[in-house]
Amino acid sequence: MSEPSPVLPSLRWLRLRHGGKARALNAAMVQVDTEVVLTVDADTLLEPGAIAAMRAAFAAEPELVAATGVLAPICGPDLQGRFFEWFQTYEYVRNFLSRHAWERLNSL
């Protein structure tokens, strides 16, 4: 774990050999000492107020252990970009419905 950033003292980074996102998140989680942790991908853009909304959700429900926002892919205005946006949206909805179905069967 790095020393605090001279520009943003609350910012640190963890340098790891490449091993995938799950490995990086698992290694980072044991280094964190906060009540709430927010993770995003490198290509994620947050709407203004997104972090405040997450904090409010956890403050309103003390039993809440996980939350997510609505994902809206943005791939470009051309035909190829619009196709990828449609495909990603389809995948998000399919995965959500699949998880919901597994949850209903107590299988998650």
PDB file of N, CA and C in Angstrom:
ATOM      1  N   MET A   1       0.862  -1.177   0.000  1.00  0.00           N
ATOM      2  CA  MET A   1       0.000   0.000   0.000  1.00  0.00           C
ATOM      3  C   MET A   1       0.901   1.230   0.000  1.00  0.00           C
ATOM      4  N   SER A   2       0.541   2.210  -0.788  1.00  0.00           N
ATOM      5  CA  SER A   2       1.355   3.412  -0.893  1.00  0.00           C
ATOM      6  C   SER A   2       1.156   4.324   0.322  1.00  0.00           C
ATOM      7  N   GLU A   3       2.005   5.290   0.410  1.00  0.00           N
ATOM      8  CA  GLU A   3       1.803   6.385   1.365  1.00  0.00           C
ATOM      9  C   GLU A   3       0.667   7.254   0.835  1.00  0.00           C
ATOM     10  N   PRO A   4       0.051   8.085   1.677  1.00  0.00           N
ATOM     11  CA  PRO A   4      -1.017   8.961   1.178  1.00  0.00           C
ATOM     12  C   PRO A   4      -0.515   9.886   0.074  1.00  0.00           C
ATOM     13  N   SER A   5      -1.396  10.193  -0.861  1.00  0.00           N
ATOM     14  CA  SER A   5      -1.074  11.114  -1.945  1.00  0.00           C
ATOM     15  C   SER A   5      -0.820  12.505  -1.371  1.00  0.00           C
ATOM     16  N   PRO A   6       0.200  13.220  -1.868  1.00  0.00           N
ATOM     17  CA  PRO A   6       0.426  14.577  -1.383  1.00  0.00           C
ATOM     18  C   PRO A   6      -0.690  15.540  -1.809  1.00  0.00           C
ATOM     19  N   VAL A   7      -1.407  15.206  -2.872  1.00  0.00           N
ATOM     20  CA  VAL A   7      -2.482  16.065  -3.359  1.00  0.00           C
ATOM     21  C   VAL A   7      -3.807  15.743  -2.671  1.00  0.00           C
ATOM     22  N   LEU A   8      -4.125  14.438  -2.556  1.00  0.00           N
ATOM     23  CA  LEU A   8      -5.348  13.974  -1.894  1.00  0.00           C
ATOM     24  C   LEU A   8      -4.950  12.991  -0.803  1.00  0.00           C
ATOM     25  N   PRO A   9      -4.776  13.443   0.432  1.00  0.00           N
ATOM     26  CA  PRO A   9      -4.273  12.579   1.500  1.00  0.00           C
ATOM     27  C   PRO A   9      -5.094  11.317   1.760  1.00  0.00           C
ATOM     28  N   SER A  10      -6.368  11.318   1.388  1.00  0.00           N
ATOM     29  CA  SER A  10      -7.170  10.110   1.600  1.00  0.00           C
ATOM     30  C   SER A  10      -6.968   9.078   0.483  1.00  0.00           C
ATOM     31  N   LEU A  11      -6.203   9.434  -0.546  1.00  0.00           N
ATOM     32  CA  LEU A  11      -5.970   8.539  -1.678  1.00  0.00           C
ATOM     33  C   LEU A  11      -4.673   7.762  -1.508  1.00  0.00           C
ATOM     34  N   ARG A  12      -4.778   6.445  -1.654  1.00  0.00           N
ATOM     35  CA  ARG A  12      -3.618   5.546  -1.658  1.00  0.00           C
ATOM     36  C   ARG A  12      -3.813   4.576  -2.805  1.00  0.00           C
ATOM     37  N   TRP A  13      -2.780   3.901  -3.181  1.00  0.00           N
ATOM     38  CA  TRP A  13      -2.927   2.879  -4.207  1.00  0.00           C
ATOM     39  C   TRP A  13      -2.177   1.635  -3.818  1.00  0.00           C
ATOM     40  N   LEU A  14      -2.658   0.531  -4.379  1.00  0.00           N
ATOM     41  CA  LEU A  14      -2.112  -0.776  -4.094  1.00  0.00           C
ATOM     42  C   LEU A  14      -1.569  -1.335  -5.406  1.00  0.00           C
ATOM     43  N   ARG A  15      -0.281  -1.601  -5.460  1.00  0.00           N
ATOM     44  CA  ARG A  15       0.336  -2.115  -6.678  1.00  0.00           C
ATOM     45  C   ARG A  15       0.446  -3.633  -6.560  1.00  0.00           C
ATOM     46  N   LEU A  16      -0.140  -4.329  -7.543  1.00  0.00           N
ATOM     47  CA  LEU A  16      -0.131  -5.793  -7.560  1.00  0.00           C
ATOM     48  C   LEU A  16       0.312  -6.281  -8.935  1.00  0.00           C
ATOM     49  N   ARG A  17       0.863  -7.496  -8.958  1.00  0.00           N
ATOM     50  CA  ARG A  17       1.067  -8.149 -10.246  1.00  0.00           C
ATOM     51  C   ARG A  17      -0.304  -8.406 -10.840  1.00  0.00           C
ATOM     52  N   HIS A  18      -0.383  -8.433 -12.145  1.00  0.00           N
ATOM     53  CA  HIS A  18      -1.672  -8.664 -12.794  1.00  0.00           C
ATOM     54  C   HIS A  18      -2.247 -10.007 -12.355  1.00  0.00           C
ATOM     55  N   GLY A  19      -3.493  -9.979 -11.921  1.00  0.00           N
ATOM     56  CA  GLY A  19      -4.143 -11.204 -11.489  1.00  0.00           C
ATOM     57  C   GLY A  19      -5.645 -11.097 -11.625  1.00  0.00           C
ATOM     58  N   GLY A  20      -6.111 -10.031 -12.228  1.00  0.00           N
ATOM     59  CA  GLY A  20      -7.542  -9.857 -12.437  1.00  0.00           C
ATOM     60  C   GLY A  20      -8.183  -8.931 -11.416  1.00  0.00           C
ATOM     61  N   LYS A  21      -9.381  -8.520 -11.757  1.00  0.00           N
ATOM     62  CA  LYS A  21     -10.114  -7.570 -10.924  1.00  0.00           C
ATOM     63  C   LYS A  21     -10.456  -8.154  -9.553  1.00  0.00           C
ATOM     64  N   ALA A  22     -10.910  -9.402  -9.520  1.00  0.00           N
ATOM     65  CA  ALA A  22     -11.295 -10.016  -8.244  1.00  0.00           C
ATOM     66  C   ALA A  22     -10.111 -10.069  -7.288  1.00  0.00           C
ATOM     67  N   ARG A  23      -8.941 -10.437  -7.789  1.00  0.00           N
ATOM     68  CA  ARG A  23      -7.744 -10.487  -6.939  1.00  0.00           C
ATOM     69  C   ARG A  23      -7.415  -9.100  -6.394  1.00  0.00           C
ATOM     70  N   ALA A  24      -7.490  -8.094  -7.255  1.00  0.00           N
ATOM     71  CA  ALA A  24      -7.188  -6.729  -6.827  1.00  0.00           C
ATOM     72  C   ALA A  24      -8.176  -6.245  -5.764  1.00  0.00           C
ATOM     73  N   LEU A  25      -9.471  -6.491  -5.974  1.00  0.00           N
ATOM     74  CA  LEU A  25     -10.477  -6.071  -4.994  1.00  0.00           C
ATOM     75  C   LEU A  25     -10.295  -6.796  -3.667  1.00  0.00           C
ATOM     76  N   ASN A  26     -10.048  -8.095  -3.721  1.00  0.00           N
ATOM     77  CA  ASN A  26      -9.851  -8.861  -2.481  1.00  0.00           C
ATOM     78  C   ASN A  26      -8.629  -8.369  -1.718  1.00  0.00           C
ATOM     79  N   ALA A  27      -7.542  -8.066  -2.418  1.00  0.00           N
ATOM     80  CA  ALA A  27      -6.328  -7.565  -1.758  1.00  0.00           C
ATOM     81  C   ALA A  27      -6.562  -6.180  -1.156  1.00  0.00           C
ATOM     82  N   ALA A  28      -7.332  -5.349  -1.841  1.00  0.00           N
ATOM     83  CA  ALA A  28      -7.590  -3.995  -1.347  1.00  0.00           C
ATOM     84  C   ALA A  28      -8.533  -3.990  -0.153  1.00  0.00           C
ATOM     85  N   MET A  29      -9.539  -4.870  -0.148  1.00  0.00           N
ATOM     86  CA  MET A  29     -10.542  -4.862   0.920  1.00  0.00           C
ATOM     87  C   MET A  29      -9.937  -5.094   2.301  1.00  0.00           C
ATOM     88  N   VAL A  30      -8.908  -5.897   2.389  1.00  0.00           N
ATOM     89  CA  VAL A  30      -8.306  -6.141   3.704  1.00  0.00           C
ATOM     90  C   VAL A  30      -7.469  -4.953   4.180  1.00  0.00           C
ATOM     91  N   GLN A  31      -7.204  -4.002   3.295  1.00  0.00           N
ATOM     92  CA  GLN A  31      -6.434  -2.811   3.643  1.00  0.00           C
ATOM     93  C   GLN A  31      -7.324  -1.643   4.084  1.00  0.00           C
ATOM     94  N   VAL A  32      -8.625  -1.766   3.864  1.00  0.00           N
ATOM     95  CA  VAL A  32      -9.556  -0.666   4.085  1.00  0.00           C
ATOM     96  C   VAL A  32     -10.171  -0.764   5.471  1.00  0.00           C
ATOM     97  N   ASP A  33     -10.270   0.370   6.145  1.00  0.00           N
ATOM     98  CA  ASP A  33     -10.873   0.414   7.474  1.00  0.00           C
ATOM     99  C   ASP A  33     -11.954   1.496   7.497  1.00  0.00           C
ATOM    100  N   THR A  34     -13.025   1.271   6.730  1.00  0.00           N
ATOM    101  CA  THR A  34     -14.152   2.200   6.685  1.00  0.00           C
ATOM    102  C   THR A  34     -15.443   1.407   6.749  1.00  0.00           C
ATOM    103  N   GLU A  35     -16.532   2.087   7.024  1.00  0.00           N
ATOM    104  CA  GLU A  35     -17.822   1.414   7.086  1.00  0.00           C
ATOM    105  C   GLU A  35     -18.390   1.126   5.705  1.00  0.00           C
ATOM    106  N   VAL A  36     -18.104   1.998   4.747  1.00  0.00           N
ATOM    107  CA  VAL A  36     -18.648   1.854   3.399  1.00  0.00           C
ATOM    108  C   VAL A  36     -17.504   1.905   2.400  1.00  0.00           C
ATOM    109  N   VAL A  37     -17.526   0.983   1.437  1.00  0.00           N
ATOM    110  CA  VAL A  37     -16.518   0.941   0.378  1.00  0.00           C
ATOM    111  C   VAL A  37     -17.237   1.029  -0.960  1.00  0.00           C
ATOM    112  N   LEU A  38     -16.784   1.908  -1.824  1.00  0.00           N
ATOM    113  CA  LEU A  38     -17.342   2.062  -3.159  1.00  0.00           C
ATOM    114  C   LEU A  38     -16.286   1.641  -4.159  1.00  0.00           C
ATOM    115  N   THR A  39     -16.631   0.706  -5.037  1.00  0.00           N
ATOM    116  CA  THR A  39     -15.705   0.302  -6.093  1.00  0.00           C
ATOM    117  C   THR A  39     -16.341   0.618  -7.434  1.00  0.00           C
ATOM    118  N   VAL A  40     -15.529   1.070  -8.360  1.00  0.00           N
ATOM    119  CA  VAL A  40     -15.975   1.337  -9.723  1.00  0.00           C
ATOM    120  C   VAL A  40     -14.899   0.850 -10.680  1.00  0.00           C
ATOM    121  N   ASP A  41     -15.287   0.568 -11.892  1.00  0.00           N
ATOM    122  CA  ASP A  41     -14.326   0.208 -12.918  1.00  0.00           C
ATOM    123  C   ASP A  41     -13.645   1.469 -13.437  1.00  0.00           C
ATOM    124  N   ALA A  42     -12.510   1.291 -14.081  1.00  0.00           N
ATOM    125  CA  ALA A  42     -11.748   2.427 -14.603  1.00  0.00           C
ATOM    126  C   ALA A  42     -12.530   3.205 -15.658  1.00  0.00           C
ATOM    127  N   ASP A  43     -13.454   2.550 -16.346  1.00  0.00           N
ATOM    128  CA  ASP A  43     -14.221   3.224 -17.391  1.00  0.00           C
ATOM    129  C   ASP A  43     -15.608   3.669 -16.917  1.00  0.00           C
ATOM    130  N   THR A  44     -15.802   3.756 -15.606  1.00  0.00           N
ATOM    131  CA  THR A  44     -17.087   4.151 -15.043  1.00  0.00           C
ATOM    132  C   THR A  44     -17.125   5.653 -14.797  1.00  0.00           C
ATOM    133  N   LEU A  45     -18.222   6.264 -15.206  1.00  0.00           N
ATOM    134  CA  LEU A  45     -18.469   7.677 -14.914  1.00  0.00           C
ATOM    135  C   LEU A  45     -19.640   7.750 -13.948  1.00  0.00           C
ATOM    136  N   LEU A  46     -19.453   8.453 -12.838  1.00  0.00           N
ATOM    137  CA  LEU A  46     -20.519   8.590 -11.846  1.00  0.00           C
ATOM    138  C   LEU A  46     -21.294   9.875 -12.087  1.00  0.00           C
ATOM    139  N   GLU A  47     -22.595   9.788 -11.938  1.00  0.00           N
ATOM    140  CA  GLU A  47     -23.428  10.982 -12.009  1.00  0.00           C
ATOM    141  C   GLU A  47     -23.156  11.850 -10.784  1.00  0.00           C
ATOM    142  N   PRO A  48     -23.296  13.170 -10.908  1.00  0.00           N
ATOM    143  CA  PRO A  48     -23.163  14.015  -9.718  1.00  0.00           C
ATOM    144  C   PRO A  48     -24.171  13.560  -8.652  1.00  0.00           C
ATOM    145  N   GLY A  49     -23.724  13.443  -7.441  1.00  0.00           N
ATOM    146  CA  GLY A  49     -24.598  13.032  -6.347  1.00  0.00           C
ATOM    147  C   GLY A  49     -24.678  11.534  -6.143  1.00  0.00           C
ATOM    148  N   ALA A  50     -23.988  10.737  -6.971  1.00  0.00           N
ATOM    149  CA  ALA A  50     -24.080   9.281  -6.852  1.00  0.00           C
ATOM    150  C   ALA A  50     -23.530   8.794  -5.517  1.00  0.00           C
ATOM    151  N   ILE A  51     -22.397   9.317  -5.102  1.00  0.00           N
ATOM    152  CA  ILE A  51     -21.803   8.871  -3.833  1.00  0.00           C
ATOM    153  C   ILE A  51     -22.672   9.303  -2.662  1.00  0.00           C
ATOM    154  N   ALA A  52     -23.212  10.506  -2.713  1.00  0.00           N
ATOM    155  CA  ALA A  52     -24.106  10.969  -1.648  1.00  0.00           C
ATOM    156  C   ALA A  52     -25.353  10.087  -1.577  1.00  0.00           C
ATOM    157  N   ALA A  53     -25.862   9.655  -2.724  1.00  0.00           N
ATOM    158  CA  ALA A  53     -27.041   8.779  -2.740  1.00  0.00           C
ATOM    159  C   ALA A  53     -26.720   7.431  -2.107  1.00  0.00           C
ATOM    160  N   MET A  54     -25.536   6.908  -2.370  1.00  0.00           N
ATOM    161  CA  MET A  54     -25.141   5.633  -1.754  1.00  0.00           C
ATOM    162  C   MET A  54     -25.000   5.784  -0.243  1.00  0.00           C
ATOM    163  N   ARG A  55     -24.356   6.851   0.175  1.00  0.00           N
ATOM    164  CA  ARG A  55     -24.203   7.089   1.618  1.00  0.00           C
ATOM    165  C   ARG A  55     -25.575   7.194   2.288  1.00  0.00           C
ATOM    166  N   ALA A  56     -26.499   7.903   1.637  1.00  0.00           N
ATOM    167  CA  ALA A  56     -27.851   8.064   2.194  1.00  0.00           C
ATOM    168  C   ALA A  56     -28.571   6.721   2.278  1.00  0.00           C
ATOM    169  N   ALA A  57     -28.380   5.856   1.275  1.00  0.00           N
ATOM    170  CA  ALA A  57     -29.036   4.553   1.289  1.00  0.00           C
ATOM    171  C   ALA A  57     -28.548   3.716   2.467  1.00  0.00           C
ATOM    172  N   PHE A  58     -27.244   3.722   2.721  1.00  0.00           N
ATOM    173  CA  PHE A  58     -26.709   2.954   3.846  1.00  0.00           C
ATOM    174  C   PHE A  58     -27.111   3.575   5.180  1.00  0.00           C
ATOM    175  N   ALA A  59     -27.191   4.896   5.240  1.00  0.00           N
ATOM    176  CA  ALA A  59     -27.596   5.559   6.476  1.00  0.00           C
ATOM    177  C   ALA A  59     -29.070   5.273   6.791  1.00  0.00           C
ATOM    178  N   ALA A  60     -29.888   5.166   5.755  1.00  0.00           N
ATOM    179  CA  ALA A  60     -31.321   4.944   5.945  1.00  0.00           C
ATOM    180  C   ALA A  60     -31.642   3.508   6.344  1.00  0.00           C
ATOM    181  N   GLU A  61     -30.807   2.559   5.938  1.00  0.00           N
ATOM    182  CA  GLU A  61     -31.055   1.146   6.237  1.00  0.00           C
ATOM    183  C   GLU A  61     -29.811   0.510   6.836  1.00  0.00           C
ATOM    184  N   PRO A  62     -29.699   0.486   8.156  1.00  0.00           N
ATOM    185  CA  PRO A  62     -28.501  -0.062   8.802  1.00  0.00           C
ATOM    186  C   PRO A  62     -28.205  -1.519   8.446  1.00  0.00           C
ATOM    187  N   GLU A  63     -29.204  -2.291   8.038  1.00  0.00           N
ATOM    188  CA  GLU A  63     -28.992  -3.700   7.683  1.00  0.00           C
ATOM    189  C   GLU A  63     -28.508  -3.879   6.241  1.00  0.00           C
ATOM    190  N   LEU A  64     -28.483  -2.808   5.464  1.00  0.00           N
ATOM    191  CA  LEU A  64     -28.062  -2.872   4.062  1.00  0.00           C
ATOM    192  C   LEU A  64     -26.592  -3.261   3.979  1.00  0.00           C
ATOM    193  N   VAL A  65     -26.268  -4.245   3.151  1.00  0.00           N
ATOM    194  CA  VAL A  65     -24.881  -4.694   3.022  1.00  0.00           C
ATOM    195  C   VAL A  65     -24.313  -4.471   1.625  1.00  0.00           C
ATOM    196  N   ALA A  66     -25.164  -4.214   0.623  1.00  0.00           N
ATOM    197  CA  ALA A  66     -24.684  -3.966  -0.732  1.00  0.00           C
ATOM    198  C   ALA A  66     -25.703  -3.127  -1.480  1.00  0.00           C
ATOM    199  N   ALA A  67     -25.225  -2.325  -2.389  1.00  0.00           N
ATOM    200  CA  ALA A  67     -26.108  -1.497  -3.212  1.00  0.00           C
ATOM    201  C   ALA A  67     -25.424  -1.256  -4.552  1.00  0.00           C
ATOM    202  N   THR A  68     -26.213  -0.941  -5.540  1.00  0.00           N
ATOM    203  CA  THR A  68     -25.671  -0.639  -6.858  1.00  0.00           C
ATOM    204  C   THR A  68     -26.488   0.467  -7.490  1.00  0.00           C
ATOM    205  N   GLY A  69     -25.933   1.068  -8.482  1.00  0.00           N
ATOM    206  CA  GLY A  69     -26.646   2.081  -9.232  1.00  0.00           C
ATOM    207  C   GLY A  69     -27.160   1.495 -10.532  1.00  0.00           C
ATOM    208  N   VAL A  70     -27.770   2.335 -11.339  1.00  0.00           N
ATOM    209  CA  VAL A  70     -28.251   1.927 -12.652  1.00  0.00           C
ATOM    210  C   VAL A  70     -27.120   2.149 -13.648  1.00  0.00           C
ATOM    211  N   LEU A  71     -26.828   1.113 -14.417  1.00  0.00           N
ATOM    212  CA  LEU A  71     -25.763   1.207 -15.402  1.00  0.00           C
ATOM    213  C   LEU A  71     -26.339   1.628 -16.741  1.00  0.00           C
ATOM    214  N   ALA A  72     -25.703   2.610 -17.359  1.00  0.00           N
ATOM    215  CA  ALA A  72     -26.125   3.064 -18.685  1.00  0.00           C
ATOM    216  C   ALA A  72     -24.901   3.095 -19.581  1.00  0.00           C
ATOM    217  N   PRO A  73     -24.733   2.075 -20.436  1.00  0.00           N
ATOM    218  CA  PRO A  73     -23.562   2.056 -21.306  1.00  0.00           C
ATOM    219  C   PRO A  73     -23.602   3.178 -22.336  1.00  0.00           C
ATOM    220  N   ILE A  74     -22.443   3.716 -22.625  1.00  0.00           N
ATOM    221  CA  ILE A  74     -22.303   4.763 -23.638  1.00  0.00           C
ATOM    222  C   ILE A  74     -21.131   4.361 -24.522  1.00  0.00           C
ATOM    223  N   CYS A  75     -21.422   3.971 -25.746  1.00  0.00           N
ATOM    224  CA  CYS A  75     -20.376   3.434 -26.619  1.00  0.00           C
ATOM    225  C   CYS A  75     -20.101   4.283 -27.851  1.00  0.00           C
ATOM    226  N   GLY A  76     -20.948   5.195 -28.191  1.00  0.00           N
ATOM    227  CA  GLY A  76     -20.702   6.045 -29.354  1.00  0.00           C
ATOM    228  C   GLY A  76     -21.946   6.209 -30.203  1.00  0.00           C
ATOM    229  N   PRO A  77     -21.991   7.278 -31.014  1.00  0.00           N
ATOM    230  CA  PRO A  77     -23.193   7.600 -31.782  1.00  0.00           C
ATOM    231  C   PRO A  77     -23.344   6.825 -33.091  1.00  0.00           C
ATOM    232  N   ASP A  78     -22.276   6.170 -33.563  1.00  0.00           N
ATOM    233  CA  ASP A  78     -22.381   5.460 -34.839  1.00  0.00           C
ATOM    234  C   ASP A  78     -23.125   4.136 -34.660  1.00  0.00           C
ATOM    235  N   LEU A  79     -23.374   3.440 -35.762  1.00  0.00           N
ATOM    236  CA  LEU A  79     -24.134   2.197 -35.725  1.00  0.00           C
ATOM    237  C   LEU A  79     -23.464   1.145 -34.847  1.00  0.00           C
ATOM    238  N   GLN A  80     -22.157   1.017 -34.945  1.00  0.00           N
ATOM    239  CA  GLN A  80     -21.440   0.037 -34.129  1.00  0.00           C
ATOM    240  C   GLN A  80     -21.561   0.380 -32.641  1.00  0.00           C
ATOM    241  N   GLY A  81     -21.408   1.649 -32.289  1.00  0.00           N
ATOM    242  CA  GLY A  81     -21.539   2.076 -30.898  1.00  0.00           C
ATOM    243  C   GLY A  81     -22.928   1.831 -30.357  1.00  0.00           C
ATOM    244  N   ARG A  82     -23.943   2.154 -31.163  1.00  0.00           N
ATOM    245  CA  ARG A  82     -25.319   1.927 -30.719  1.00  0.00           C
ATOM    246  C   ARG A  82     -25.602   0.439 -30.545  1.00  0.00           C
ATOM    247  N   PHE A  83     -25.041  -0.412 -31.427  1.00  0.00           N
ATOM    248  CA  PHE A  83     -25.214  -1.855 -31.282  1.00  0.00           C
ATOM    249  C   PHE A  83     -24.603  -2.340 -29.975  1.00  0.00           C
ATOM    250  N   PHE A  84     -23.376  -1.874 -29.667  1.00  0.00           N
ATOM    251  CA  PHE A  84     -22.732  -2.297 -28.419  1.00  0.00           C
ATOM    252  C   PHE A  84     -23.494  -1.793 -27.201  1.00  0.00           C
ATOM    253  N   GLU A  85     -24.051  -0.585 -27.279  1.00  0.00           N
ATOM    254  CA  GLU A  85     -24.873  -0.085 -26.174  1.00  0.00           C
ATOM    255  C   GLU A  85     -26.081  -0.998 -25.968  1.00  0.00           C
ATOM    256  N   TRP A  86     -26.762  -1.369 -27.071  1.00  0.00           N
ATOM    257  CA  TRP A  86     -27.912  -2.260 -26.963  1.00  0.00           C
ATOM    258  C   TRP A  86     -27.487  -3.591 -26.354  1.00  0.00           C
ATOM    259  N   PHE A  87     -26.386  -4.160 -26.845  1.00  0.00           N
ATOM    260  CA  PHE A  87     -25.923  -5.455 -26.370  1.00  0.00           C
ATOM    261  C   PHE A  87     -25.578  -5.406 -24.883  1.00  0.00           C
ATOM    262  N   GLN A  88     -24.868  -4.355 -24.452  1.00  0.00           N
ATOM    263  CA  GLN A  88     -24.516  -4.248 -23.034  1.00  0.00           C
ATOM    264  C   GLN A  88     -25.761  -4.086 -22.179  1.00  0.00           C
ATOM    265  N   THR A  89     -26.714  -3.299 -22.632  1.00  0.00           N
ATOM    266  CA  THR A  89     -27.964  -3.131 -21.885  1.00  0.00           C
ATOM    267  C   THR A  89     -28.680  -4.472 -21.768  1.00  0.00           C
ATOM    268  N   TYR A  90     -28.740  -5.216 -22.877  1.00  0.00           N
ATOM    269  CA  TYR A  90     -29.355  -6.547 -22.869  1.00  0.00           C
ATOM    270  C   TYR A  90     -28.651  -7.448 -21.851  1.00  0.00           C
ATOM    271  N   GLU A  91     -27.325  -7.449 -21.835  1.00  0.00           N
ATOM    272  CA  GLU A  91     -26.563  -8.284 -20.899  1.00  0.00           C
ATOM    273  C   GLU A  91     -26.839  -7.885 -19.447  1.00  0.00           C
ATOM    274  N   TYR A  92     -26.894  -6.572 -19.156  1.00  0.00           N
ATOM    275  CA  TYR A  92     -27.174  -6.122 -17.788  1.00  0.00           C
ATOM    276  C   TYR A  92     -28.542  -6.610 -17.339  1.00  0.00           C
ATOM    277  N   VAL A  93     -29.562  -6.458 -18.195  1.00  0.00           N
ATOM    278  CA  VAL A  93     -30.918  -6.866 -17.839  1.00  0.00           C
ATOM    279  C   VAL A  93     -30.971  -8.380 -17.665  1.00  0.00           C
ATOM    280  N   ARG A  94     -30.363  -9.129 -18.575  1.00  0.00           N
ATOM    281  CA  ARG A  94     -30.354 -10.588 -18.488  1.00  0.00           C
ATOM    282  C   ARG A  94     -29.692 -11.054 -17.195  1.00  0.00           C
ATOM    283  N   ASN A  95     -28.552 -10.453 -16.862  1.00  0.00           N
ATOM    284  CA  ASN A  95     -27.861 -10.835 -15.624  1.00  0.00           C
ATOM    285  C   ASN A  95     -28.690 -10.491 -14.396  1.00  0.00           C
ATOM    286  N   PHE A  96     -29.344  -9.335 -14.418  1.00  0.00           N
ATOM    287  CA  PHE A  96     -30.182  -8.941 -13.292  1.00  0.00           C
ATOM    288  C   PHE A  96     -31.324  -9.934 -13.111  1.00  0.00           C
ATOM    289  N   LEU A  97     -32.012 -10.272 -14.206  1.00  0.00           N
ATOM    290  CA  LEU A  97     -33.133 -11.205 -14.105  1.00  0.00           C
ATOM    291  C   LEU A  97     -32.664 -12.584 -13.676  1.00  0.00           C
ATOM    292  N   SER A  98     -31.510 -12.999 -14.164  1.00  0.00           N
ATOM    293  CA  SER A  98     -30.961 -14.295 -13.772  1.00  0.00           C
ATOM    294  C   SER A  98     -30.668 -14.323 -12.276  1.00  0.00           C
ATOM    295  N   ARG A  99     -30.041 -13.284 -11.764  1.00  0.00           N
ATOM    296  CA  ARG A  99     -29.740 -13.239 -10.324  1.00  0.00           C
ATOM    297  C   ARG A  99     -31.019 -13.208  -9.502  1.00  0.00           C
ATOM    298  N   HIS A 100     -32.008 -12.457  -9.997  1.00  0.00           N
ATOM    299  CA  HIS A 100     -33.289 -12.411  -9.289  1.00  0.00           C
ATOM    300  C   HIS A 100     -33.911 -13.802  -9.235  1.00  0.00           C
ATOM    301  N   ALA A 101     -33.859 -14.535 -10.343  1.00  0.00           N
ATOM    302  CA  ALA A 101     -34.426 -15.891 -10.373  1.00  0.00           C
ATOM    303  C   ALA A 101     -33.679 -16.809  -9.413  1.00  0.00           C
ATOM    304  N   TRP A 102     -32.364 -16.761  -9.407  1.00  0.00           N
ATOM    305  CA  TRP A 102     -31.576 -17.598  -8.479  1.00  0.00           C
ATOM    306  C   TRP A 102     -31.877 -17.219  -7.034  1.00  0.00           C
ATOM    307  N   GLU A 103     -32.056 -15.928  -6.785  1.00  0.00           N
ATOM    308  CA  GLU A 103     -32.371 -15.488  -5.418  1.00  0.00           C
ATOM    309  C   GLU A 103     -33.723 -16.066  -4.977  1.00  0.00           C
ATOM    310  N   ARG A 104     -34.683 -16.068  -5.866  1.00  0.00           N
ATOM    311  CA  ARG A 104     -36.017 -16.614  -5.524  1.00  0.00           C
ATOM    312  C   ARG A 104     -35.942 -18.092  -5.169  1.00  0.00           C
ATOM    313  N   LEU A 105     -34.928 -18.786  -5.695  1.00  0.00           N
ATOM    314  CA  LEU A 105     -34.737 -20.197  -5.395  1.00  0.00           C
ATOM    315  C   LEU A 105     -33.770 -20.415  -4.223  1.00  0.00           C
ATOM    316  N   ASN A 106     -33.423 -19.309  -3.537  1.00  0.00           N
ATOM    317  CA  ASN A 106     -32.442 -19.358  -2.435  1.00  0.00           C
ATOM    318  C   ASN A 106     -31.133 -20.007  -2.885  1.00  0.00           C
ATOM    319  N   SER A 107     -30.696 -19.663  -4.070  1.00  0.00           N
ATOM    320  CA  SER A 107     -29.505 -20.300  -4.625  1.00  0.00           C
ATOM    321  C   SER A 107     -28.339 -19.341  -4.877  1.00  0.00           C
ATOM    322  N   LEU A 108     -28.450 -18.120  -4.418  1.00  0.00           N
ATOM    323  CA  LEU A 108     -27.340 -17.183  -4.597  1.00  0.00           C
ATOM    324  C   LEU A 108     -26.320 -17.377  -3.510  1.00  0.00           C
TER     325      LEU A 108
END
